[in-house]
Amino acid sequence: MALSLKKLSELNGVAGNEKVVREYIISLISDRCTKVDVDVMGNIIAFKKGRSSDKKIMLASNMDEAGFIVSEITDSGYLKFKPVGDIDPRTLVSKRVVIGDNGAKGVIGMKAIHLQKKSERESAVSVNSLFIDVGCSKKSNVSVSLGDYITFDTKFGENGDIIKGKALDRFGCACLIEAMDEEAAYDTYFVFSTQREQPGKICGRGLMTASYTINPDIALIVDTVSSGDVYKSEKHNISARLGSGAVIEYMDRTSIADTILTSKIKNIAVRENIGVQDKMTSTGRTITGAVSGAVCACVGIPCRYSHTPVCMMNKKDIDAVSKICRLFVKEREIADGITQ
């Protein structure tokens, strides 16, 4: 396959502005499925005719990323911004960013520490205290506009099985693309969804629209899981570990997986010697909660430092999730016997 994890990471596609990511994915899947549509929300809905039409199967993952949007341009040429997605402001100071379709470069800054009051130094960093410096001294010289999207300027890198970069949350799309190479047991829809990173209790506005359109019987959602397996982490706070395989999700803050379907996926993965691990917490949100009217399961890719300038994953975990997606597409036994 011509898919490049490097390119998938480095493409800029903040929620609501996924066009370049969508175009890249369509270029990879057009000859792998029966039909490709783009709906009003910008979701890619790729249909693959199965050996049977008795059930409708859906696999879904998001193609957007967390980022920012320009909310103000000051008279002295600095940019104020708002986050798009859950981003910890403490990770942002001195980070390089790319702004707008023209790719203007900037750096996130804040008041120098020696100029801060004691109360400012001892307070948590807030987005309101940050700005973007694009190297201009007045507003008229700034080449960006209000409403322009902002992404981290991070280069993809590899060190053995470990990969690092921005927007690794969209690597579930790679797993769906690889699963398209399998002969589908049932009519199958692959959804590359928009607007995961949105405010509100339920994330995945794009997938919510796509799932109503498709009305699947059974759905497998691929999302990321914050691993937390870092230096001095408390064992009970670790949801998953890098390198230990696909994460079996049982519940999160917005959804509860179907017990029978989840057990079938886990059992067939173990039978096929695919690395799997159970999610150890119920914190965080996945896009599973955006799907209604279908029997759902969710598998996750462990990710360190999600929604920061530099995320980290293990290629073995991505491969494990990809293999599960392939089995979900081709094996009748997973869907058989599952009823709503």
C-alpha atoms as a PDB file:
ATOM      1  CA  MET A   1       0.000   0.000   0.000  1.00  0.00           C
ATOM      2  CA  ALA A   2       1.139   3.505  -0.792  1.00  0.00           C
ATOM      3  CA  LEU A   3      -0.141   4.841   2.543  1.00  0.00           C
ATOM      4  CA  SER A   4       2.459   6.877   4.412  1.00  0.00           C
ATOM      5  CA  LEU A   5       2.151   7.226   8.180  1.00  0.00           C
ATOM      6  CA  LYS A   6       4.509  10.193   7.894  1.00  0.00           C
ATOM      7  CA  LYS A   7       2.235  12.004   5.458  1.00  0.00           C
ATOM      8  CA  LEU A   8      -0.897  11.079   7.407  1.00  0.00           C
ATOM      9  CA  SER A   9       0.662  12.648  10.506  1.00  0.00           C
ATOM     10  CA  GLU A  10       2.056  15.786   8.886  1.00  0.00           C
ATOM     11  CA  LEU A  11      -1.078  16.724   6.916  1.00  0.00           C
ATOM     12  CA  ASN A  12      -2.945  19.576   8.592  1.00  0.00           C
ATOM     13  CA  GLY A  13      -6.598  18.888   9.299  1.00  0.00           C
ATOM     14  CA  VAL A  14      -8.027  20.529  12.415  1.00  0.00           C
ATOM     15  CA  ALA A  15     -11.643  19.606  13.152  1.00  0.00           C
ATOM     16  CA  GLY A  16     -13.851  21.403  10.632  1.00  0.00           C
ATOM     17  CA  ASN A  17     -10.993  21.805   8.148  1.00  0.00           C
ATOM     18  CA  GLU A  18     -10.206  18.238   7.071  1.00  0.00           C
ATOM     19  CA  LYS A  19     -10.067  18.820   3.295  1.00  0.00           C
ATOM     20  CA  VAL A  20      -6.419  17.905   2.610  1.00  0.00           C
ATOM     21  CA  VAL A  21      -6.644  14.785   4.770  1.00  0.00           C
ATOM     22  CA  ARG A  22      -9.865  13.775   3.052  1.00  0.00           C
ATOM     23  CA  GLU A  23      -8.296  14.197  -0.407  1.00  0.00           C
ATOM     24  CA  TYR A  24      -5.306  12.061   0.569  1.00  0.00           C
ATOM     25  CA  ILE A  25      -7.452   9.247   1.950  1.00  0.00           C
ATOM     26  CA  ILE A  26      -9.741   9.250  -1.095  1.00  0.00           C
ATOM     27  CA  SER A  27      -6.684   8.923  -3.349  1.00  0.00           C
ATOM     28  CA  LEU A  28      -5.797   5.711  -1.500  1.00  0.00           C
ATOM     29  CA  ILE A  29      -9.190   4.031  -1.304  1.00  0.00           C
ATOM     30  CA  SER A  30     -10.954   4.809  -4.589  1.00  0.00           C
ATOM     31  CA  ASP A  31      -9.931   1.519  -6.195  1.00  0.00           C
ATOM     32  CA  ARG A  32     -10.419  -0.551  -3.041  1.00  0.00           C
ATOM     33  CA  CYS A  33     -14.171  -0.257  -2.604  1.00  0.00           C
ATOM     34  CA  THR A  34     -17.403  -0.300  -4.543  1.00  0.00           C
ATOM     35  CA  LYS A  35     -18.329   3.331  -3.983  1.00  0.00           C
ATOM     36  CA  VAL A  36     -16.948   6.426  -2.221  1.00  0.00           C
ATOM     37  CA  ASP A  37     -19.155   9.310  -1.083  1.00  0.00           C
ATOM     38  CA  VAL A  38     -18.493  12.514   0.851  1.00  0.00           C
ATOM     39  CA  ASP A  39     -21.472  13.703   2.890  1.00  0.00           C
ATOM     40  CA  VAL A  40     -22.502  17.203   3.931  1.00  0.00           C
ATOM     41  CA  MET A  41     -20.317  17.001   7.065  1.00  0.00           C
ATOM     42  CA  GLY A  42     -17.248  16.102   5.019  1.00  0.00           C
ATOM     43  CA  ASN A  43     -17.179  12.473   6.180  1.00  0.00           C
ATOM     44  CA  ILE A  44     -15.832   9.905   3.734  1.00  0.00           C
ATOM     45  CA  ILE A  45     -18.278   7.000   3.486  1.00  0.00           C
ATOM     46  CA  ALA A  46     -16.727   4.167   1.497  1.00  0.00           C
ATOM     47  CA  PHE A  47     -18.932   1.181   0.682  1.00  0.00           C
ATOM     48  CA  LYS A  48     -17.663  -2.317  -0.084  1.00  0.00           C
ATOM     49  CA  LYS A  49     -20.089  -4.940  -1.359  1.00  0.00           C
ATOM     50  CA  GLY A  50     -20.021  -8.074   0.749  1.00  0.00           C
ATOM     51  CA  ARG A  51     -20.706 -11.720   0.067  1.00  0.00           C
ATOM     52  CA  SER A  52     -23.999 -11.205   1.899  1.00  0.00           C
ATOM     53  CA  SER A  53     -26.357  -8.257   2.330  1.00  0.00           C
ATOM     54  CA  ASP A  54     -28.091  -9.698   5.385  1.00  0.00           C
ATOM     55  CA  LYS A  55     -26.288  -7.240   7.680  1.00  0.00           C
ATOM     56  CA  LYS A  56     -24.776  -3.791   7.408  1.00  0.00           C
ATOM     57  CA  ILE A  57     -21.357  -3.483   9.007  1.00  0.00           C
ATOM     58  CA  MET A  58     -19.607  -0.203   9.777  1.00  0.00           C
ATOM     59  CA  LEU A  59     -15.982   0.533  10.685  1.00  0.00           C
ATOM     60  CA  ALA A  60     -15.186   4.105  11.669  1.00  0.00           C
ATOM     61  CA  SER A  61     -12.295   6.290  12.740  1.00  0.00           C
ATOM     62  CA  ASN A  62     -11.741  10.054  12.744  1.00  0.00           C
ATOM     63  CA  MET A  63      -9.471  11.938  10.340  1.00  0.00           C
ATOM     64  CA  ASP A  64      -9.346  15.325  12.080  1.00  0.00           C
ATOM     65  CA  GLU A  65      -6.920  16.550  14.749  1.00  0.00           C
ATOM     66  CA  ALA A  66      -6.887  18.903  17.706  1.00  0.00           C
ATOM     67  CA  GLY A  67      -5.544  22.391  17.036  1.00  0.00           C
ATOM     68  CA  PHE A  68      -6.514  26.037  17.283  1.00  0.00           C
ATOM     69  CA  ILE A  69      -8.309  28.859  15.493  1.00  0.00           C
ATOM     70  CA  VAL A  70      -7.278  32.505  15.222  1.00  0.00           C
ATOM     71  CA  SER A  71      -9.638  34.606  17.366  1.00  0.00           C
ATOM     72  CA  GLU A  72      -7.900  37.998  17.367  1.00  0.00           C
ATOM     73  CA  ILE A  73      -5.051  39.881  15.678  1.00  0.00           C
ATOM     74  CA  THR A  74      -3.641  42.577  17.964  1.00  0.00           C
ATOM     75  CA  ASP A  75      -2.497  46.010  16.817  1.00  0.00           C
ATOM     76  CA  SER A  76       1.089  44.977  17.584  1.00  0.00           C
ATOM     77  CA  GLY A  77       0.883  41.927  15.273  1.00  0.00           C
ATOM     78  CA  TYR A  78       0.323  39.084  17.730  1.00  0.00           C
ATOM     79  CA  LEU A  79      -2.350  36.401  17.302  1.00  0.00           C
ATOM     80  CA  LYS A  80      -4.761  35.331  20.007  1.00  0.00           C
ATOM     81  CA  PHE A  81      -6.346  31.916  19.577  1.00  0.00           C
ATOM     82  CA  LYS A  82      -8.899  29.432  20.856  1.00  0.00           C
ATOM     83  CA  PRO A  83      -8.359  25.670  21.168  1.00  0.00           C
ATOM     84  CA  VAL A  84     -10.230  23.236  18.923  1.00  0.00           C
ATOM     85  CA  GLY A  85     -10.279  20.071  21.002  1.00  0.00           C
ATOM     86  CA  ASP A  86      -9.012  19.166  24.449  1.00  0.00           C
ATOM     87  CA  ILE A  87      -5.491  20.588  24.655  1.00  0.00           C
ATOM     88  CA  ASP A  88      -3.546  21.174  27.859  1.00  0.00           C
ATOM     89  CA  PRO A  89      -2.225  24.774  27.739  1.00  0.00           C
ATOM     90  CA  ARG A  90       0.800  23.744  29.810  1.00  0.00           C
ATOM     91  CA  THR A  91       2.203  21.907  26.783  1.00  0.00           C
ATOM     92  CA  LEU A  92       2.079  24.915  24.452  1.00  0.00           C
ATOM     93  CA  VAL A  93       4.671  27.511  25.446  1.00  0.00           C
ATOM     94  CA  SER A  94       7.478  27.944  22.846  1.00  0.00           C
ATOM     95  CA  LYS A  95       5.935  25.421  20.430  1.00  0.00           C
ATOM     96  CA  ARG A  96       6.088  26.064  16.682  1.00  0.00           C
ATOM     97  CA  VAL A  97       2.834  26.262  14.735  1.00  0.00           C
ATOM     98  CA  VAL A  98       1.551  26.592  11.162  1.00  0.00           C
ATOM     99  CA  ILE A  99      -1.296  29.017  10.475  1.00  0.00           C
ATOM    100  CA  GLY A 100      -3.814  29.083   7.631  1.00  0.00           C
ATOM    101  CA  ASP A 101      -3.806  27.641   4.129  1.00  0.00           C
ATOM    102  CA  ASN A 102      -0.717  29.657   3.215  1.00  0.00           C
ATOM    103  CA  GLY A 103       1.328  27.929   5.913  1.00  0.00           C
ATOM    104  CA  ALA A 104       2.468  30.988   7.870  1.00  0.00           C
ATOM    105  CA  LYS A 105       4.868  30.022  10.648  1.00  0.00           C
ATOM    106  CA  GLY A 106       4.710  31.183  14.243  1.00  0.00           C
ATOM    107  CA  VAL A 107       5.649  30.305  17.802  1.00  0.00           C
ATOM    108  CA  ILE A 108       3.406  30.217  20.863  1.00  0.00           C
ATOM    109  CA  GLY A 109       4.605  32.606  23.539  1.00  0.00           C
ATOM    110  CA  MET A 110       3.648  34.155  26.855  1.00  0.00           C
ATOM    111  CA  LYS A 111       4.951  36.913  29.085  1.00  0.00           C
ATOM    112  CA  ALA A 112       8.593  36.317  30.051  1.00  0.00           C
ATOM    113  CA  ILE A 113       8.879  34.682  33.464  1.00  0.00           C
ATOM    114  CA  HIS A 114      11.000  37.502  34.904  1.00  0.00           C
ATOM    115  CA  LEU A 115       8.192  39.932  34.045  1.00  0.00           C
ATOM    116  CA  GLN A 116       5.463  37.840  35.646  1.00  0.00           C
ATOM    117  CA  LYS A 117       3.977  38.624  39.029  1.00  0.00           C
ATOM    118  CA  LYS A 118       4.296  35.986  41.746  1.00  0.00           C
ATOM    119  CA  SER A 119       0.619  35.099  41.327  1.00  0.00           C
ATOM    120  CA  GLU A 120       1.155  34.545  37.589  1.00  0.00           C
ATOM    121  CA  ARG A 121       4.182  32.315  38.110  1.00  0.00           C
ATOM    122  CA  GLU A 122       2.325  30.158  40.595  1.00  0.00           C
ATOM    123  CA  SER A 123      -0.851  29.808  38.512  1.00  0.00           C
ATOM    124  CA  ALA A 124      -1.555  27.182  35.869  1.00  0.00           C
ATOM    125  CA  VAL A 125      -1.006  28.370  32.300  1.00  0.00           C
ATOM    126  CA  SER A 126      -4.233  29.415  30.586  1.00  0.00           C
ATOM    127  CA  VAL A 127      -4.900  29.857  26.884  1.00  0.00           C
ATOM    128  CA  ASN A 128      -5.865  33.459  27.541  1.00  0.00           C
ATOM    129  CA  SER A 129      -2.295  34.189  28.702  1.00  0.00           C
ATOM    130  CA  LEU A 130      -0.783  32.840  25.467  1.00  0.00           C
ATOM    131  CA  PHE A 131      -0.281  34.386  22.043  1.00  0.00           C
ATOM    132  CA  ILE A 132       1.327  33.492  18.719  1.00  0.00           C
ATOM    133  CA  ASP A 133       4.307  35.482  17.503  1.00  0.00           C
ATOM    134  CA  VAL A 134       4.528  35.529  13.695  1.00  0.00           C
ATOM    135  CA  GLY A 135       7.406  38.011  13.590  1.00  0.00           C
ATOM    136  CA  CYS A 136       5.336  41.086  12.724  1.00  0.00           C
ATOM    137  CA  SER A 137       5.358  44.409  14.557  1.00  0.00           C
ATOM    138  CA  LYS A 138       1.941  45.639  13.451  1.00  0.00           C
ATOM    139  CA  LYS A 139      -1.427  44.249  12.438  1.00  0.00           C
ATOM    140  CA  SER A 140      -1.200  45.361   8.810  1.00  0.00           C
ATOM    141  CA  ASN A 141       1.852  43.141   8.233  1.00  0.00           C
ATOM    142  CA  VAL A 142       0.190  39.921   9.441  1.00  0.00           C
ATOM    143  CA  SER A 143      -0.586  37.541   6.564  1.00  0.00           C
ATOM    144  CA  VAL A 144      -3.268  35.491   8.339  1.00  0.00           C
ATOM    145  CA  SER A 145      -6.966  36.132   8.969  1.00  0.00           C
ATOM    146  CA  LEU A 146      -9.478  35.679  11.740  1.00  0.00           C
ATOM    147  CA  GLY A 147     -10.814  32.146  11.628  1.00  0.00           C
ATOM    148  CA  ASP A 148      -7.661  30.617  10.161  1.00  0.00           C
ATOM    149  CA  TYR A 149      -6.843  27.192  11.569  1.00  0.00           C
ATOM    150  CA  ILE A 150      -3.605  26.509  13.435  1.00  0.00           C
ATOM    151  CA  THR A 151      -1.721  23.231  13.749  1.00  0.00           C
ATOM    152  CA  PHE A 152       1.479  22.146  15.435  1.00  0.00           C
ATOM    153  CA  ASP A 153       4.576  22.317  13.239  1.00  0.00           C
ATOM    154  CA  THR A 154       5.868  18.856  14.113  1.00  0.00           C
ATOM    155  CA  LYS A 155       7.915  16.522  11.939  1.00  0.00           C
ATOM    156  CA  PHE A 156       7.181  12.804  11.977  1.00  0.00           C
ATOM    157  CA  GLY A 157       9.939  10.522  13.222  1.00  0.00           C
ATOM    158  CA  GLU A 158      10.673   6.843  13.874  1.00  0.00           C
ATOM    159  CA  ASN A 159      12.971   5.018  16.286  1.00  0.00           C
ATOM    160  CA  GLY A 160      12.556   1.298  15.757  1.00  0.00           C
ATOM    161  CA  ASP A 161       8.921   0.465  16.545  1.00  0.00           C
ATOM    162  CA  ILE A 162       8.312   3.817  18.233  1.00  0.00           C
ATOM    163  CA  ILE A 163       6.879   6.628  16.130  1.00  0.00           C
ATOM    164  CA  LYS A 164       6.348  10.256  17.110  1.00  0.00           C
ATOM    165  CA  GLY A 165       4.547  13.165  15.547  1.00  0.00           C
ATOM    166  CA  LYS A 166       1.390  15.213  15.674  1.00  0.00           C
ATOM    167  CA  ALA A 167      -2.141  14.037  14.871  1.00  0.00           C
ATOM    168  CA  LEU A 168      -1.424  10.365  15.576  1.00  0.00           C
ATOM    169  CA  ASP A 169      -5.089  10.143  16.618  1.00  0.00           C
ATOM    170  CA  ARG A 170      -5.917   9.728  12.926  1.00  0.00           C
ATOM    171  CA  PHE A 171      -3.860   6.543  12.577  1.00  0.00           C
ATOM    172  CA  GLY A 172      -7.063   4.560  13.009  1.00  0.00           C
ATOM    173  CA  CYS A 173      -7.720   5.632   9.418  1.00  0.00           C
ATOM    174  CA  ALA A 174      -4.659   3.647   8.346  1.00  0.00           C
ATOM    175  CA  CYS A 175      -6.137   0.540   9.973  1.00  0.00           C
ATOM    176  CA  LEU A 176      -9.427   0.998   8.100  1.00  0.00           C
ATOM    177  CA  ILE A 177      -7.644   1.491   4.787  1.00  0.00           C
ATOM    178  CA  GLU A 178      -5.678  -1.731   5.217  1.00  0.00           C
ATOM    179  CA  ALA A 179      -8.867  -3.615   6.141  1.00  0.00           C
ATOM    180  CA  MET A 180     -10.364  -2.646   2.771  1.00  0.00           C
ATOM    181  CA  ASP A 181      -8.056  -5.160   1.111  1.00  0.00           C
ATOM    182  CA  GLU A 182     -10.091  -8.019   2.632  1.00  0.00           C
ATOM    183  CA  GLU A 183     -13.107  -9.626   0.989  1.00  0.00           C
ATOM    184  CA  ALA A 184     -16.093  -8.420   3.001  1.00  0.00           C
ATOM    185  CA  ALA A 185     -18.356 -11.026   4.553  1.00  0.00           C
ATOM    186  CA  TYR A 186     -21.243  -8.551   4.703  1.00  0.00           C
ATOM    187  CA  ASP A 187     -21.974  -5.199   3.066  1.00  0.00           C
ATOM    188  CA  THR A 188     -19.467  -2.962   4.814  1.00  0.00           C
ATOM    189  CA  TYR A 189     -19.149   0.793   5.226  1.00  0.00           C
ATOM    190  CA  PHE A 190     -15.854   2.451   6.114  1.00  0.00           C
ATOM    191  CA  VAL A 191     -16.298   5.897   7.673  1.00  0.00           C
ATOM    192  CA  PHE A 192     -13.458   8.410   7.931  1.00  0.00           C
ATOM    193  CA  SER A 193     -15.183  10.963  10.094  1.00  0.00           C
ATOM    194  CA  THR A 194     -14.866  14.688  10.740  1.00  0.00           C
ATOM    195  CA  GLN A 195     -15.115  16.869  13.829  1.00  0.00           C
ATOM    196  CA  ARG A 196     -14.112  14.460  16.539  1.00  0.00           C
ATOM    197  CA  GLU A 197     -12.469  17.355  18.361  1.00  0.00           C
ATOM    198  CA  GLN A 198     -15.502  19.351  19.350  1.00  0.00           C
ATOM    199  CA  PRO A 199     -16.850  20.771  22.607  1.00  0.00           C
ATOM    200  CA  GLY A 200     -19.647  18.929  24.358  1.00  0.00           C
ATOM    201  CA  LYS A 201     -20.233  15.667  26.155  1.00  0.00           C
ATOM    202  CA  ILE A 202     -20.329  13.553  22.971  1.00  0.00           C
ATOM    203  CA  CYS A 203     -17.364  13.826  20.626  1.00  0.00           C
ATOM    204  CA  GLY A 204     -17.620  12.862  16.976  1.00  0.00           C
ATOM    205  CA  ARG A 205     -20.152  15.191  15.360  1.00  0.00           C
ATOM    206  CA  GLY A 206     -19.266  13.884  11.908  1.00  0.00           C
ATOM    207  CA  LEU A 207     -19.656  10.226  12.865  1.00  0.00           C
ATOM    208  CA  MET A 208     -23.047  10.950  14.417  1.00  0.00           C
ATOM    209  CA  THR A 209     -24.293  12.176  11.041  1.00  0.00           C
ATOM    210  CA  ALA A 210     -22.706   9.294   9.112  1.00  0.00           C
ATOM    211  CA  SER A 211     -24.137   6.632  11.416  1.00  0.00           C
ATOM    212  CA  TYR A 212     -27.671   8.013  10.936  1.00  0.00           C
ATOM    213  CA  THR A 213     -27.125   7.879   7.170  1.00  0.00           C
ATOM    214  CA  ILE A 214     -25.808   4.306   7.146  1.00  0.00           C
ATOM    215  CA  ASN A 215     -27.944   2.909   9.985  1.00  0.00           C
ATOM    216  CA  PRO A 216     -25.583  -0.057  10.508  1.00  0.00           C
ATOM    217  CA  ASP A 217     -26.452  -3.221  12.412  1.00  0.00           C
ATOM    218  CA  ILE A 218     -22.956  -3.642  13.869  1.00  0.00           C
ATOM    219  CA  ALA A 219     -20.133  -1.135  14.230  1.00  0.00           C
ATOM    220  CA  LEU A 220     -16.459  -1.282  15.134  1.00  0.00           C
ATOM    221  CA  ILE A 221     -14.933   2.013  16.200  1.00  0.00           C
ATOM    222  CA  VAL A 222     -11.181   2.601  16.120  1.00  0.00           C
ATOM    223  CA  ASP A 223      -9.928   5.367  18.391  1.00  0.00           C
ATOM    224  CA  THR A 224      -6.866   6.176  20.473  1.00  0.00           C
ATOM    225  CA  VAL A 225      -6.382   5.470  24.172  1.00  0.00           C
ATOM    226  CA  SER A 226      -4.161   7.630  26.354  1.00  0.00           C
ATOM    227  CA  SER A 227      -1.579   5.156  27.593  1.00  0.00           C
ATOM    228  CA  GLY A 228      -0.207   6.940  30.654  1.00  0.00           C
ATOM    229  CA  ASP A 229       2.633   4.401  31.019  1.00  0.00           C
ATOM    230  CA  VAL A 230       5.273   7.033  31.678  1.00  0.00           C
ATOM    231  CA  TYR A 231       7.849   7.668  34.388  1.00  0.00           C
ATOM    232  CA  LYS A 232       6.427   7.396  37.929  1.00  0.00           C
ATOM    233  CA  SER A 233       2.863   6.751  36.777  1.00  0.00           C
ATOM    234  CA  GLU A 234       0.555   5.181  39.317  1.00  0.00           C
ATOM    235  CA  LYS A 235      -0.468   1.708  38.164  1.00  0.00           C
ATOM    236  CA  HIS A 236      -4.202   2.354  38.674  1.00  0.00           C
ATOM    237  CA  ASN A 237      -4.033   5.411  36.386  1.00  0.00           C
ATOM    238  CA  ILE A 238      -2.568   3.556  33.393  1.00  0.00           C
ATOM    239  CA  SER A 239      -5.266   2.860  30.788  1.00  0.00           C
ATOM    240  CA  ALA A 240      -2.946   0.987  28.428  1.00  0.00           C
ATOM    241  CA  ARG A 241       0.712   0.395  27.608  1.00  0.00           C
ATOM    242  CA  LEU A 242       2.632   1.045  24.412  1.00  0.00           C
ATOM    243  CA  GLY A 243       3.729  -2.159  22.704  1.00  0.00           C
ATOM    244  CA  SER A 244       1.190  -4.410  24.445  1.00  0.00           C
ATOM    245  CA  GLY A 245      -1.269  -4.583  21.555  1.00  0.00           C
ATOM    246  CA  ALA A 246      -4.740  -3.357  20.640  1.00  0.00           C
ATOM    247  CA  VAL A 247      -6.797  -2.004  23.521  1.00  0.00           C
ATOM    248  CA  ILE A 248     -10.155  -3.630  24.167  1.00  0.00           C
ATOM    249  CA  GLU A 249     -12.555  -0.905  25.296  1.00  0.00           C
ATOM    250  CA  TYR A 250     -15.394  -1.862  27.611  1.00  0.00           C
ATOM    251  CA  MET A 251     -16.702   1.602  28.423  1.00  0.00           C
ATOM    252  CA  ASP A 252     -15.745   5.245  28.433  1.00  0.00           C
ATOM    253  CA  ARG A 253     -17.406   8.449  29.582  1.00  0.00           C
ATOM    254  CA  THR A 254     -19.974   8.386  26.773  1.00  0.00           C
ATOM    255  CA  SER A 255     -20.501   4.751  25.758  1.00  0.00           C
ATOM    256  CA  ILE A 256     -20.641   1.130  26.871  1.00  0.00           C
ATOM    257  CA  ALA A 257     -19.504  -1.558  24.431  1.00  0.00           C
ATOM    258  CA  ASP A 258     -21.646  -4.581  23.619  1.00  0.00           C
ATOM    259  CA  THR A 259     -20.418  -7.450  25.784  1.00  0.00           C
ATOM    260  CA  ILE A 260     -20.987 -10.251  23.267  1.00  0.00           C
ATOM    261  CA  LEU A 261     -19.422  -8.429  20.321  1.00  0.00           C
ATOM    262  CA  THR A 262     -16.443  -7.311  22.410  1.00  0.00           C
ATOM    263  CA  SER A 263     -15.865 -10.862  23.654  1.00  0.00           C
ATOM    264  CA  LYS A 264     -15.988 -12.236  20.113  1.00  0.00           C
ATOM    265  CA  ILE A 265     -13.404  -9.688  18.933  1.00  0.00           C
ATOM    266  CA  LYS A 266     -11.100 -10.399  21.847  1.00  0.00           C
ATOM    267  CA  ASN A 267     -11.399 -14.184  21.514  1.00  0.00           C
ATOM    268  CA  ILE A 268     -10.689 -14.225  17.791  1.00  0.00           C
ATOM    269  CA  ALA A 269      -7.713 -11.902  18.314  1.00  0.00           C
ATOM    270  CA  VAL A 270      -6.263 -14.235  20.934  1.00  0.00           C
ATOM    271  CA  ARG A 271      -6.899 -17.213  18.638  1.00  0.00           C
ATOM    272  CA  GLU A 272      -5.005 -15.471  15.826  1.00  0.00           C
ATOM    273  CA  ASN A 273      -2.111 -14.510  18.162  1.00  0.00           C
ATOM    274  CA  ILE A 274      -2.855 -10.792  17.884  1.00  0.00           C
ATOM    275  CA  GLY A 275      -1.663  -8.762  20.854  1.00  0.00           C
ATOM    276  CA  VAL A 276      -4.553  -7.349  22.902  1.00  0.00           C
ATOM    277  CA  GLN A 277      -4.852  -5.640  26.265  1.00  0.00           C
ATOM    278  CA  ASP A 278      -7.848  -4.652  28.363  1.00  0.00           C
ATOM    279  CA  LYS A 279      -8.437  -0.985  29.032  1.00  0.00           C
ATOM    280  CA  MET A 280      -7.827  -0.493  32.739  1.00  0.00           C
ATOM    281  CA  THR A 281      -9.855   2.707  33.268  1.00  0.00           C
ATOM    282  CA  SER A 282     -13.165   4.174  32.088  1.00  0.00           C
ATOM    283  CA  THR A 283     -11.900   7.740  31.754  1.00  0.00           C
ATOM    284  CA  GLY A 284     -11.687   9.650  28.483  1.00  0.00           C
ATOM    285  CA  ARG A 285     -14.043   9.771  25.531  1.00  0.00           C
ATOM    286  CA  THR A 286     -14.109   7.915  22.238  1.00  0.00           C
ATOM    287  CA  ILE A 287     -16.297   8.559  19.203  1.00  0.00           C
ATOM    288  CA  THR A 288     -18.287   5.399  19.998  1.00  0.00           C
ATOM    289  CA  GLY A 289     -20.805   7.533  21.863  1.00  0.00           C
ATOM    290  CA  ALA A 290     -21.711   9.251  18.591  1.00  0.00           C
ATOM    291  CA  VAL A 291     -23.177   6.017  17.173  1.00  0.00           C
ATOM    292  CA  SER A 292     -26.775   5.120  17.977  1.00  0.00           C
ATOM    293  CA  GLY A 293     -28.974   2.263  16.852  1.00  0.00           C
ATOM    294  CA  ALA A 294     -26.122  -0.206  16.326  1.00  0.00           C
ATOM    295  CA  VAL A 295     -24.354  -2.893  18.325  1.00  0.00           C
ATOM    296  CA  CYS A 296     -20.940  -1.322  18.960  1.00  0.00           C
ATOM    297  CA  ALA A 297     -17.445  -2.313  19.997  1.00  0.00           C
ATOM    298  CA  CYS A 298     -14.325  -0.193  20.190  1.00  0.00           C
ATOM    299  CA  VAL A 299     -10.647  -1.028  19.887  1.00  0.00           C
ATOM    300  CA  GLY A 300      -7.993   1.530  20.694  1.00  0.00           C
ATOM    301  CA  ILE A 301      -4.420   2.331  19.747  1.00  0.00           C
ATOM    302  CA  PRO A 302      -2.357   3.300  22.821  1.00  0.00           C
ATOM    303  CA  CYS A 303      -0.950   6.817  22.526  1.00  0.00           C
ATOM    304  CA  ARG A 304       1.302   8.833  24.813  1.00  0.00           C
ATOM    305  CA  TYR A 305       0.926  12.618  25.020  1.00  0.00           C
ATOM    306  CA  SER A 306      -2.247  12.740  22.915  1.00  0.00           C
ATOM    307  CA  HIS A 307      -3.336  16.228  21.806  1.00  0.00           C
ATOM    308  CA  THR A 308       0.132  17.660  22.360  1.00  0.00           C
ATOM    309  CA  PRO A 309       2.757  18.867  19.846  1.00  0.00           C
ATOM    310  CA  VAL A 310       4.436  15.436  19.938  1.00  0.00           C
ATOM    311  CA  CYS A 311       2.436  12.217  20.357  1.00  0.00           C
ATOM    312  CA  MET A 312       3.979   8.752  20.549  1.00  0.00           C
ATOM    313  CA  MET A 313       2.798   5.302  19.408  1.00  0.00           C
ATOM    314  CA  ASN A 314       4.189   1.831  18.803  1.00  0.00           C
ATOM    315  CA  LYS A 315       3.908   0.340  15.303  1.00  0.00           C
ATOM    316  CA  LYS A 316       3.177  -3.087  16.816  1.00  0.00           C
ATOM    317  CA  ASP A 317      -0.006  -1.709  18.382  1.00  0.00           C
ATOM    318  CA  ILE A 318      -1.136  -0.143  15.103  1.00  0.00           C
ATOM    319  CA  ASP A 319      -0.497  -3.462  13.349  1.00  0.00           C
ATOM    320  CA  ALA A 320      -2.553  -5.317  15.976  1.00  0.00           C
ATOM    321  CA  VAL A 321      -5.528  -2.985  15.513  1.00  0.00           C
ATOM    322  CA  SER A 322      -5.193  -3.275  11.743  1.00  0.00           C
ATOM    323  CA  LYS A 323      -5.348  -7.087  11.962  1.00  0.00           C
ATOM    324  CA  ILE A 324      -8.482  -6.904  14.120  1.00  0.00           C
ATOM    325  CA  CYS A 325     -10.118  -4.604  11.563  1.00  0.00           C
ATOM    326  CA  ARG A 326      -9.261  -7.080   8.814  1.00  0.00           C
ATOM    327  CA  LEU A 327     -10.864  -9.925  10.769  1.00  0.00           C
ATOM    328  CA  PHE A 328     -13.932  -7.794  11.480  1.00  0.00           C
ATOM    329  CA  VAL A 329     -14.415  -7.286   7.747  1.00  0.00           C
ATOM    330  CA  LYS A 330     -13.838 -10.812   6.498  1.00  0.00           C
ATOM    331  CA  GLU A 331     -14.977 -13.183   9.288  1.00  0.00           C
ATOM    332  CA  ARG A 332     -18.696 -13.923   9.359  1.00  0.00           C
ATOM    333  CA  GLU A 333     -18.456 -15.465  12.805  1.00  0.00           C
ATOM    334  CA  ILE A 334     -17.916 -12.063  14.471  1.00  0.00           C
ATOM    335  CA  ALA A 335     -21.215 -10.624  13.232  1.00  0.00           C
ATOM    336  CA  ASP A 336     -23.241 -13.823  13.227  1.00  0.00           C
ATOM    337  CA  GLY A 337     -25.544 -14.170  16.191  1.00  0.00           C
ATOM    338  CA  ILE A 338     -25.292 -10.473  17.110  1.00  0.00           C
ATOM    339  CA  THR A 339     -28.717  -8.836  17.375  1.00  0.00           C
ATOM    340  CA  GLN A 340     -29.864  -5.408  18.447  1.00  0.00           C
END
